Amino acid sequence: MVAVPHYQPDIIVLAVRWYLRYNLSLRDLVEMLEERGLSLVHKTIMRWVHQYGPELNERIRKHLKRTNDSWRVDETYIKIKGENMYLYRAIDSEGNT
C-alpha cells in the first residue's frame, strides 16, 4: 500500500482559493506551491477544487459586500518608480469602492 500524504487544511484552502480567484492553470499552481516547499500533483489540487470549492464559495459569499446596480470605473495614470502605470477604481452610486 502506498502512503498518502496529508496536507494541512490551510494549504488546501490556499490552493483552492488561488485556483478559483486567479487565472492560474493547475500546473502553474503546482509550480507556485513547489517554490514554497510543497510537493503536489495537479490532480490533487483538482480533487480539492471539486471537493471543497463549492463550500468555500458559499462561505465567502456571505462576507462579500453587496453592490447596487449603478457603478462606474475611473482610470488614471500614476507614477511608480518613475514609470507611468494605470490605476483603475470602481465606484458605485453610493461612493463605495
PDB file of N, CA and C in Angstrom:
ATOM      1  N   MET A   1       0.835  -1.169   0.000  1.00  0.00           N
ATOM      2  CA  MET A   1       0.000   0.000   0.000  1.00  0.00           C
ATOM      3  C   MET A   1       0.890   1.247   0.000  1.00  0.00           C
ATOM      4  N   VAL A   2       0.510   2.250  -0.781  1.00  0.00           N
ATOM      5  CA  VAL A   2       1.279   3.484  -0.897  1.00  0.00           C
ATOM      6  C   VAL A   2       0.783   4.478   0.143  1.00  0.00           C
ATOM      7  N   ALA A   3       1.715   5.127   0.829  1.00  0.00           N
ATOM      8  CA  ALA A   3       1.348   6.132   1.831  1.00  0.00           C
ATOM      9  C   ALA A   3       0.818   7.379   1.129  1.00  0.00           C
ATOM     10  N   VAL A   4      -0.303   7.872   1.601  1.00  0.00           N
ATOM     11  CA  VAL A   4      -0.917   9.069   1.021  1.00  0.00           C
ATOM     12  C   VAL A   4      -0.571  10.260   1.908  1.00  0.00           C
ATOM     13  N   PRO A   5       0.080  11.284   1.342  1.00  0.00           N
ATOM     14  CA  PRO A   5       0.408  12.445   2.168  1.00  0.00           C
ATOM     15  C   PRO A   5      -0.852  13.222   2.551  1.00  0.00           C
ATOM     16  N   HIS A   6      -0.854  13.726   3.758  1.00  0.00           N
ATOM     17  CA  HIS A   6      -1.969  14.540   4.226  1.00  0.00           C
ATOM     18  C   HIS A   6      -1.490  15.978   4.326  1.00  0.00           C
ATOM     19  N   TYR A   7      -2.342  16.897   3.919  1.00  0.00           N
ATOM     20  CA  TYR A   7      -1.984  18.305   3.914  1.00  0.00           C
ATOM     21  C   TYR A   7      -2.824  19.044   4.930  1.00  0.00           C
ATOM     22  N   GLN A   8      -2.239  20.093   5.487  1.00  0.00           N
ATOM     23  CA  GLN A   8      -2.945  20.906   6.459  1.00  0.00           C
ATOM     24  C   GLN A   8      -4.102  21.624   5.767  1.00  0.00           C
ATOM     25  N   PRO A   9      -5.197  21.831   6.490  1.00  0.00           N
ATOM     26  CA  PRO A   9      -6.357  22.495   5.887  1.00  0.00           C
ATOM     27  C   PRO A   9      -6.036  23.867   5.292  1.00  0.00           C
ATOM     28  N   ASP A  10      -5.117  24.623   5.918  1.00  0.00           N
ATOM     29  CA  ASP A  10      -4.812  25.948   5.372  1.00  0.00           C
ATOM     30  C   ASP A  10      -4.132  25.855   4.008  1.00  0.00           C
ATOM     31  N   ILE A  11      -3.383  24.791   3.752  1.00  0.00           N
ATOM     32  CA  ILE A  11      -2.758  24.583   2.445  1.00  0.00           C
ATOM     33  C   ILE A  11      -3.833  24.269   1.410  1.00  0.00           C
ATOM     34  N   ILE A  12      -4.788  23.436   1.780  1.00  0.00           N
ATOM     35  CA  ILE A  12      -5.879  23.084   0.870  1.00  0.00           C
ATOM     36  C   ILE A  12      -6.699  24.323   0.526  1.00  0.00           C
ATOM     37  N   VAL A  13      -7.066  25.104   1.539  1.00  0.00           N
ATOM     38  CA  VAL A  13      -7.853  26.318   1.311  1.00  0.00           C
ATOM     39  C   VAL A  13      -7.080  27.291   0.429  1.00  0.00           C
ATOM     40  N   LEU A  14      -5.797  27.454   0.691  1.00  0.00           N
ATOM     41  CA  LEU A  14      -4.974  28.358  -0.110  1.00  0.00           C
ATOM     42  C   LEU A  14      -4.957  27.929  -1.574  1.00  0.00           C
ATOM     43  N   ALA A  15      -4.714  26.660  -1.830  1.00  0.00           N
ATOM     44  CA  ALA A  15      -4.644  26.165  -3.207  1.00  0.00           C
ATOM     45  C   ALA A  15      -5.984  26.328  -3.921  1.00  0.00           C
ATOM     46  N   VAL A  16      -7.071  25.982  -3.253  1.00  0.00           N
ATOM     47  CA  VAL A  16      -8.399  26.101  -3.862  1.00  0.00           C
ATOM     48  C   VAL A  16      -8.734  27.563  -4.109  1.00  0.00           C
ATOM     49  N   ARG A  17      -8.460  28.412  -3.120  1.00  0.00           N
ATOM     50  CA  ARG A  17      -8.754  29.838  -3.260  1.00  0.00           C
ATOM     51  C   ARG A  17      -7.969  30.451  -4.406  1.00  0.00           C
ATOM     52  N   TRP A  18      -6.674  30.186  -4.492  1.00  0.00           N
ATOM     53  CA  TRP A  18      -5.860  30.730  -5.580  1.00  0.00           C
ATOM     54  C   TRP A  18      -6.359  30.242  -6.927  1.00  0.00           C
ATOM     55  N   TYR A  19      -6.726  28.965  -7.009  1.00  0.00           N
ATOM     56  CA  TYR A  19      -7.201  28.426  -8.282  1.00  0.00           C
ATOM     57  C   TYR A  19      -8.500  29.105  -8.712  1.00  0.00           C
ATOM     58  N   LEU A  20      -9.432  29.286  -7.785  1.00  0.00           N
ATOM     59  CA  LEU A  20     -10.722  29.875  -8.118  1.00  0.00           C
ATOM     60  C   LEU A  20     -10.647  31.382  -8.323  1.00  0.00           C
ATOM     61  N   ARG A  21      -9.754  32.052  -7.629  1.00  0.00           N
ATOM     62  CA  ARG A  21      -9.699  33.513  -7.678  1.00  0.00           C
ATOM     63  C   ARG A  21      -8.853  34.048  -8.829  1.00  0.00           C
ATOM     64  N   TYR A  22      -7.740  33.398  -9.119  1.00  0.00           N
ATOM     65  CA  TYR A  22      -6.803  33.905 -10.114  1.00  0.00           C
ATOM     66  C   TYR A  22      -6.815  33.013 -11.345  1.00  0.00           C
ATOM     67  N   ASN A  23      -6.416  33.555 -12.448  1.00  0.00           N
ATOM     68  CA  ASN A  23      -6.419  32.815 -13.714  1.00  0.00           C
ATOM     69  C   ASN A  23      -5.162  31.954 -13.808  1.00  0.00           C
ATOM     70  N   LEU A  24      -5.108  30.904 -12.992  1.00  0.00           N
ATOM     71  CA  LEU A  24      -3.944  30.019 -12.945  1.00  0.00           C
ATOM     72  C   LEU A  24      -4.320  28.639 -13.460  1.00  0.00           C
ATOM     73  N   SER A  25      -3.405  28.028 -14.193  1.00  0.00           N
ATOM     74  CA  SER A  25      -3.608  26.623 -14.539  1.00  0.00           C
ATOM     75  C   SER A  25      -3.231  25.792 -13.316  1.00  0.00           C
ATOM     76  N   LEU A  26      -3.675  24.561 -13.294  1.00  0.00           N
ATOM     77  CA  LEU A  26      -3.322  23.679 -12.182  1.00  0.00           C
ATOM     78  C   LEU A  26      -1.816  23.471 -12.114  1.00  0.00           C
ATOM     79  N   ARG A  27      -1.184  23.354 -13.269  1.00  0.00           N
ATOM     80  CA  ARG A  27       0.264  23.143 -13.294  1.00  0.00           C
ATOM     81  C   ARG A  27       1.018  24.392 -12.822  1.00  0.00           C
ATOM     82  N   ASP A  28       0.496  25.588 -13.140  1.00  0.00           N
ATOM     83  CA  ASP A  28       1.104  26.817 -12.615  1.00  0.00           C
ATOM     84  C   ASP A  28       1.001  26.841 -11.093  1.00  0.00           C
ATOM     85  N   LEU A  29      -0.139  26.433 -10.588  1.00  0.00           N
ATOM     86  CA  LEU A  29      -0.351  26.416  -9.139  1.00  0.00           C
ATOM     87  C   LEU A  29       0.571  25.405  -8.463  1.00  0.00           C
ATOM     88  N   VAL A  30       0.759  24.249  -9.081  1.00  0.00           N
ATOM     89  CA  VAL A  30       1.700  23.252  -8.556  1.00  0.00           C
ATOM     90  C   VAL A  30       3.095  23.860  -8.481  1.00  0.00           C
ATOM     91  N   GLU A  31       3.494  24.568  -9.537  1.00  0.00           N
ATOM     92  CA  GLU A  31       4.820  25.198  -9.557  1.00  0.00           C
ATOM     93  C   GLU A  31       4.957  26.238  -8.449  1.00  0.00           C
ATOM     94  N   MET A  32       3.919  27.054  -8.248  1.00  0.00           N
ATOM     95  CA  MET A  32       3.960  28.072  -7.195  1.00  0.00           C
ATOM     96  C   MET A  32       4.090  27.433  -5.817  1.00  0.00           C
ATOM     97  N   LEU A  33       3.374  26.349  -5.597  1.00  0.00           N
ATOM     98  CA  LEU A  33       3.435  25.679  -4.300  1.00  0.00           C
ATOM     99  C   LEU A  33       4.762  24.952  -4.109  1.00  0.00           C
ATOM    100  N   GLU A  34       5.335  24.440  -5.196  1.00  0.00           N
ATOM    101  CA  GLU A  34       6.661  23.813  -5.106  1.00  0.00           C
ATOM    102  C   GLU A  34       7.711  24.827  -4.673  1.00  0.00           C
ATOM    103  N   GLU A  35       7.575  26.083  -5.138  1.00  0.00           N
ATOM    104  CA  GLU A  35       8.500  27.141  -4.726  1.00  0.00           C
ATOM    105  C   GLU A  35       8.399  27.421  -3.236  1.00  0.00           C
ATOM    106  N   ARG A  36       7.300  27.004  -2.631  1.00  0.00           N
ATOM    107  CA  ARG A  36       7.094  27.187  -1.193  1.00  0.00           C
ATOM    108  C   ARG A  36       7.332  25.895  -0.420  1.00  0.00           C
ATOM    109  N   GLY A  37       7.942  24.907  -1.088  1.00  0.00           N
ATOM    110  CA  GLY A  37       8.339  23.680  -0.412  1.00  0.00           C
ATOM    111  C   GLY A  37       7.295  22.580  -0.371  1.00  0.00           C
ATOM    112  N   LEU A  38       6.215  22.720  -1.127  1.00  0.00           N
ATOM    113  CA  LEU A  38       5.164  21.706  -1.139  1.00  0.00           C
ATOM    114  C   LEU A  38       5.228  20.901  -2.429  1.00  0.00           C
ATOM    115  N   SER A  39       5.169  19.600  -2.305  1.00  0.00           N
ATOM    116  CA  SER A  39       5.214  18.723  -3.469  1.00  0.00           C
ATOM    117  C   SER A  39       3.817  18.157  -3.719  1.00  0.00           C
ATOM    118  N   LEU A  40       3.194  18.600  -4.806  1.00  0.00           N
ATOM    119  CA  LEU A  40       1.838  18.177  -5.163  1.00  0.00           C
ATOM    120  C   LEU A  40       1.790  17.803  -6.633  1.00  0.00           C
ATOM    121  N   VAL A  41       0.743  17.105  -7.015  1.00  0.00           N
ATOM    122  CA  VAL A  41       0.455  16.902  -8.429  1.00  0.00           C
ATOM    123  C   VAL A  41      -0.843  17.647  -8.744  1.00  0.00           C
ATOM    124  N   HIS A  42      -1.005  18.027 -10.000  1.00  0.00           N
ATOM    125  CA  HIS A  42      -2.158  18.846 -10.370  1.00  0.00           C
ATOM    126  C   HIS A  42      -3.492  18.140 -10.114  1.00  0.00           C
ATOM    127  N   LYS A  43      -3.513  16.824 -10.189  1.00  0.00           N
ATOM    128  CA  LYS A  43      -4.763  16.088  -9.951  1.00  0.00           C
ATOM    129  C   LYS A  43      -5.226  16.221  -8.501  1.00  0.00           C
ATOM    130  N   THR A  44      -4.282  16.352  -7.586  1.00  0.00           N
ATOM    131  CA  THR A  44      -4.639  16.549  -6.175  1.00  0.00           C
ATOM    132  C   THR A  44      -5.372  17.871  -6.004  1.00  0.00           C
ATOM    133  N   ILE A  45      -4.841  18.929  -6.614  1.00  0.00           N
ATOM    134  CA  ILE A  45      -5.481  20.243  -6.496  1.00  0.00           C
ATOM    135  C   ILE A  45      -6.860  20.217  -7.145  1.00  0.00           C
ATOM    136  N   MET A  46      -6.987  19.567  -8.304  1.00  0.00           N
ATOM    137  CA  MET A  46      -8.298  19.484  -8.958  1.00  0.00           C
ATOM    138  C   MET A  46      -9.295  18.740  -8.076  1.00  0.00           C
ATOM    139  N   ARG A  47      -8.846  17.685  -7.399  1.00  0.00           N
ATOM    140  CA  ARG A  47      -9.725  16.955  -6.481  1.00  0.00           C
ATOM    141  C   ARG A  47     -10.178  17.877  -5.347  1.00  0.00           C
ATOM    142  N   TRP A  48      -9.238  18.681  -4.811  1.00  0.00           N
ATOM    143  CA  TRP A  48      -9.586  19.634  -3.754  1.00  0.00           C
ATOM    144  C   TRP A  48     -10.596  20.657  -4.254  1.00  0.00           C
ATOM    145  N   VAL A  49     -10.393  21.152  -5.468  1.00  0.00           N
ATOM    146  CA  VAL A  49     -11.307  22.154  -6.033  1.00  0.00           C
ATOM    147  C   VAL A  49     -12.717  21.575  -6.131  1.00  0.00           C
ATOM    148  N   HIS A  50     -12.832  20.363  -6.619  1.00  0.00           N
ATOM    149  CA  HIS A  50     -14.149  19.730  -6.738  1.00  0.00           C
ATOM    150  C   HIS A  50     -14.753  19.428  -5.372  1.00  0.00           C
ATOM    151  N   GLN A  51     -13.918  19.034  -4.419  1.00  0.00           N
ATOM    152  CA  GLN A  51     -14.415  18.637  -3.104  1.00  0.00           C
ATOM    153  C   GLN A  51     -14.732  19.835  -2.214  1.00  0.00           C
ATOM    154  N   TYR A  52     -13.860  20.843  -2.204  1.00  0.00           N
ATOM    155  CA  TYR A  52     -14.003  21.946  -1.251  1.00  0.00           C
ATOM    156  C   TYR A  52     -14.425  23.268  -1.884  1.00  0.00           C
ATOM    157  N   GLY A  53     -14.320  23.399  -3.188  1.00  0.00           N
ATOM    158  CA  GLY A  53     -14.646  24.652  -3.869  1.00  0.00           C
ATOM    159  C   GLY A  53     -16.047  25.163  -3.599  1.00  0.00           C
ATOM    160  N   PRO A  54     -17.084  24.326  -3.748  1.00  0.00           N
ATOM    161  CA  PRO A  54     -18.443  24.812  -3.508  1.00  0.00           C
ATOM    162  C   PRO A  54     -18.654  25.334  -2.080  1.00  0.00           C
ATOM    163  N   GLU A  55     -18.108  24.631  -1.084  1.00  0.00           N
ATOM    164  CA  GLU A  55     -18.274  25.091   0.300  1.00  0.00           C
ATOM    165  C   GLU A  55     -17.499  26.384   0.545  1.00  0.00           C
ATOM    166  N   LEU A  56     -16.294  26.478   0.009  1.00  0.00           N
ATOM    167  CA  LEU A  56     -15.505  27.700   0.154  1.00  0.00           C
ATOM    168  C   LEU A  56     -16.234  28.874  -0.486  1.00  0.00           C
ATOM    169  N   ASN A  57     -16.793  28.674  -1.660  1.00  0.00           N
ATOM    170  CA  ASN A  57     -17.546  29.717  -2.347  1.00  0.00           C
ATOM    171  C   ASN A  57     -18.741  30.168  -1.511  1.00  0.00           C
ATOM    172  N   GLU A  58     -19.457  29.213  -0.941  1.00  0.00           N
ATOM    173  CA  GLU A  58     -20.625  29.530  -0.114  1.00  0.00           C
ATOM    174  C   GLU A  58     -20.228  30.339   1.122  1.00  0.00           C
ATOM    175  N   ARG A  59     -19.152  29.938   1.780  1.00  0.00           N
ATOM    176  CA  ARG A  59     -18.710  30.649   2.990  1.00  0.00           C
ATOM    177  C   ARG A  59     -18.217  32.060   2.670  1.00  0.00           C
ATOM    178  N   ILE A  60     -17.537  32.221   1.551  1.00  0.00           N
ATOM    179  CA  ILE A  60     -17.002  33.534   1.192  1.00  0.00           C
ATOM    180  C   ILE A  60     -18.114  34.479   0.771  1.00  0.00           C
ATOM    181  N   ARG A  61     -19.083  33.996   0.024  1.00  0.00           N
ATOM    182  CA  ARG A  61     -20.172  34.840  -0.479  1.00  0.00           C
ATOM    183  C   ARG A  61     -20.900  35.562   0.650  1.00  0.00           C
ATOM    184  N   LYS A  62     -21.008  34.925   1.814  1.00  0.00           N
ATOM    185  CA  LYS A  62     -21.700  35.538   2.949  1.00  0.00           C
ATOM    186  C   LYS A  62     -21.024  36.828   3.405  1.00  0.00           C
ATOM    187  N   HIS A  63     -19.728  36.957   3.158  1.00  0.00           N
ATOM    188  CA  HIS A  63     -18.972  38.090   3.674  1.00  0.00           C
ATOM    189  C   HIS A  63     -18.707  39.175   2.633  1.00  0.00           C
ATOM    190  N   LEU A  64     -19.112  38.945   1.396  1.00  0.00           N
ATOM    191  CA  LEU A  64     -18.888  39.948   0.361  1.00  0.00           C
ATOM    192  C   LEU A  64     -19.914  41.062   0.481  1.00  0.00           C
ATOM    193  N   LYS A  65     -19.484  42.284   0.219  1.00  0.00           N
ATOM    194  CA  LYS A  65     -20.403  43.410   0.239  1.00  0.00           C
ATOM    195  C   LYS A  65     -21.300  43.353  -0.987  1.00  0.00           C
ATOM    196  N   ARG A  66     -22.542  43.689  -0.783  1.00  0.00           N
ATOM    197  CA  ARG A  66     -23.457  43.770  -1.910  1.00  0.00           C
ATOM    198  C   ARG A  66     -23.239  45.113  -2.606  1.00  0.00           C
ATOM    199  N   THR A  67     -23.359  45.105  -3.904  1.00  0.00           N
ATOM    200  CA  THR A  67     -23.249  46.355  -4.660  1.00  0.00           C
ATOM    201  C   THR A  67     -24.605  46.662  -5.263  1.00  0.00           C
ATOM    202  N   ASN A  68     -24.797  47.939  -5.581  1.00  0.00           N
ATOM    203  CA  ASN A  68     -26.045  48.279  -6.250  1.00  0.00           C
ATOM    204  C   ASN A  68     -25.848  48.166  -7.758  1.00  0.00           C
ATOM    205  N   ASP A  69     -26.882  48.466  -8.512  1.00  0.00           N
ATOM    206  CA  ASP A  69     -26.836  48.255  -9.959  1.00  0.00           C
ATOM    207  C   ASP A  69     -26.118  49.359 -10.718  1.00  0.00           C
ATOM    208  N   SER A  70     -25.771  50.448 -10.062  1.00  0.00           N
ATOM    209  CA  SER A  70     -25.138  51.573 -10.749  1.00  0.00           C
ATOM    210  C   SER A  70     -23.703  51.737 -10.266  1.00  0.00           C
ATOM    211  N   TRP A  71     -22.748  51.628 -11.187  1.00  0.00           N
ATOM    212  CA  TRP A  71     -21.350  51.790 -10.821  1.00  0.00           C
ATOM    213  C   TRP A  71     -20.571  52.314 -12.012  1.00  0.00           C
ATOM    214  N   ARG A  72     -19.439  52.920 -11.743  1.00  0.00           N
ATOM    215  CA  ARG A  72     -18.569  53.472 -12.779  1.00  0.00           C
ATOM    216  C   ARG A  72     -17.132  53.064 -12.476  1.00  0.00           C
ATOM    217  N   VAL A  73     -16.321  53.017 -13.532  1.00  0.00           N
ATOM    218  CA  VAL A  73     -14.898  52.734 -13.386  1.00  0.00           C
ATOM    219  C   VAL A  73     -14.130  53.945 -13.879  1.00  0.00           C
ATOM    220  N   ASP A  74     -13.168  54.373 -13.085  1.00  0.00           N
ATOM    221  CA  ASP A  74     -12.317  55.504 -13.442  1.00  0.00           C
ATOM    222  C   ASP A  74     -10.898  54.990 -13.602  1.00  0.00           C
ATOM    223  N   GLU A  75     -10.187  55.555 -14.571  1.00  0.00           N
ATOM    224  CA  GLU A  75      -8.786  55.187 -14.733  1.00  0.00           C
ATOM    225  C   GLU A  75      -7.946  56.449 -14.750  1.00  0.00           C
ATOM    226  N   THR A  76      -6.755  56.332 -14.237  1.00  0.00           N
ATOM    227  CA  THR A  76      -5.816  57.444 -14.247  1.00  0.00           C
ATOM    228  C   THR A  76      -4.409  56.880 -14.283  1.00  0.00           C
ATOM    229  N   TYR A  77      -3.463  57.753 -14.589  1.00  0.00           N
ATOM    230  CA  TYR A  77      -2.060  57.356 -14.549  1.00  0.00           C
ATOM    231  C   TYR A  77      -1.469  57.727 -13.203  1.00  0.00           C
ATOM    232  N   ILE A  78      -0.615  56.870 -12.679  1.00  0.00           N
ATOM    233  CA  ILE A  78       0.203  57.215 -11.525  1.00  0.00           C
ATOM    234  C   ILE A  78       1.633  56.807 -11.853  1.00  0.00           C
ATOM    235  N   LYS A  79       2.560  57.442 -11.210  1.00  0.00           N
ATOM    236  CA  LYS A  79       3.963  57.140 -11.455  1.00  0.00           C
ATOM    237  C   LYS A  79       4.485  56.249 -10.333  1.00  0.00           C
ATOM    238  N   ILE A  80       5.034  55.099 -10.710  1.00  0.00           N
ATOM    239  CA  ILE A  80       5.621  54.170  -9.751  1.00  0.00           C
ATOM    240  C   ILE A  80       7.048  53.915 -10.180  1.00  0.00           C
ATOM    241  N   LYS A  81       7.990  54.277  -9.301  1.00  0.00           N
ATOM    242  CA  LYS A  81       9.420  54.126  -9.599  1.00  0.00           C
ATOM    243  C   LYS A  81       9.774  54.748 -10.946  1.00  0.00           C
ATOM    244  N   GLY A  82       9.180  55.919 -11.207  1.00  0.00           N
ATOM    245  CA  GLY A  82       9.492  56.654 -12.426  1.00  0.00           C
ATOM    246  C   GLY A  82       8.776  56.158 -13.669  1.00  0.00           C
ATOM    247  N   GLU A  83       7.918  55.171 -13.533  1.00  0.00           N
ATOM    248  CA  GLU A  83       7.219  54.609 -14.692  1.00  0.00           C
ATOM    249  C   GLU A  83       5.717  54.852 -14.560  1.00  0.00           C
ATOM    250  N   ASN A  84       5.090  55.350 -15.650  1.00  0.00           N
ATOM    251  CA  ASN A  84       3.644  55.572 -15.639  1.00  0.00           C
ATOM    252  C   ASN A  84       2.905  54.244 -15.658  1.00  0.00           C
ATOM    253  N   MET A  85       1.936  54.116 -14.756  1.00  0.00           N
ATOM    254  CA  MET A  85       1.119  52.906 -14.664  1.00  0.00           C
ATOM    255  C   MET A  85      -0.346  53.330 -14.593  1.00  0.00           C
ATOM    256  N   TYR A  86      -1.235  52.449 -15.026  1.00  0.00           N
ATOM    257  CA  TYR A  86      -2.666  52.706 -14.895  1.00  0.00           C
ATOM    258  C   TYR A  86      -3.120  52.378 -13.481  1.00  0.00           C
ATOM    259  N   LEU A  87      -4.065  53.166 -12.982  1.00  0.00           N
ATOM    260  CA  LEU A  87      -4.754  52.868 -11.730  1.00  0.00           C
ATOM    261  C   LEU A  87      -6.242  52.890 -12.038  1.00  0.00           C
ATOM    262  N   TYR A  88      -6.926  51.794 -11.771  1.00  0.00           N
ATOM    263  CA  TYR A  88      -8.362  51.692 -12.007  1.00  0.00           C
ATOM    264  C   TYR A  88      -9.084  51.671 -10.671  1.00  0.00           C
ATOM    265  N   ARG A  89     -10.249  52.309 -10.639  1.00  0.00           N
ATOM    266  CA  ARG A  89     -11.051  52.317  -9.419  1.00  0.00           C
ATOM    267  C   ARG A  89     -12.521  52.219  -9.808  1.00  0.00           C
ATOM    268  N   ALA A  90     -13.229  51.277  -9.222  1.00  0.00           N
ATOM    269  CA  ALA A  90     -14.667  51.121  -9.460  1.00  0.00           C
ATOM    270  C   ALA A  90     -15.414  51.715  -8.270  1.00  0.00           C
ATOM    271  N   ILE A  91     -16.454  52.504  -8.563  1.00  0.00           N
ATOM    272  CA  ILE A  91     -17.236  53.182  -7.526  1.00  0.00           C
ATOM    273  C   ILE A  91     -18.714  52.992  -7.840  1.00  0.00           C
ATOM    274  N   ASP A  92     -19.504  52.621  -6.823  1.00  0.00           N
ATOM    275  CA  ASP A  92     -20.943  52.533  -7.059  1.00  0.00           C
ATOM    276  C   ASP A  92     -21.587  53.882  -6.765  1.00  0.00           C
ATOM    277  N   SER A  93     -22.897  53.985  -6.977  1.00  0.00           N
ATOM    278  CA  SER A  93     -23.588  55.273  -6.852  1.00  0.00           C
ATOM    279  C   SER A  93     -23.614  55.799  -5.424  1.00  0.00           C
ATOM    280  N   GLU A  94     -23.276  54.949  -4.446  1.00  0.00           N
ATOM    281  CA  GLU A  94     -23.221  55.390  -3.053  1.00  0.00           C
ATOM    282  C   GLU A  94     -21.808  55.741  -2.616  1.00  0.00           C
ATOM    283  N   GLY A  95     -20.858  55.680  -3.541  1.00  0.00           N
ATOM    284  CA  GLY A  95     -19.475  56.024  -3.232  1.00  0.00           C
ATOM    285  C   GLY A  95     -18.637  54.881  -2.699  1.00  0.00           C
ATOM    286  N   ASN A  96     -19.182  53.681  -2.671  1.00  0.00           N
ATOM    287  CA  ASN A  96     -18.428  52.516  -2.202  1.00  0.00           C
ATOM    288  C   ASN A  96     -17.484  52.029  -3.288  1.00  0.00           C
ATOM    289  N   THR A  97     -16.280  51.623  -2.864  1.00  0.00           N
ATOM    290  CA  THR A  97     -15.311  51.114  -3.842  1.00  0.00           C
ATOM    291  C   THR A  97     -15.162  49.627  -3.707  1.00  0.00           C
TER     292      THR A  97
END
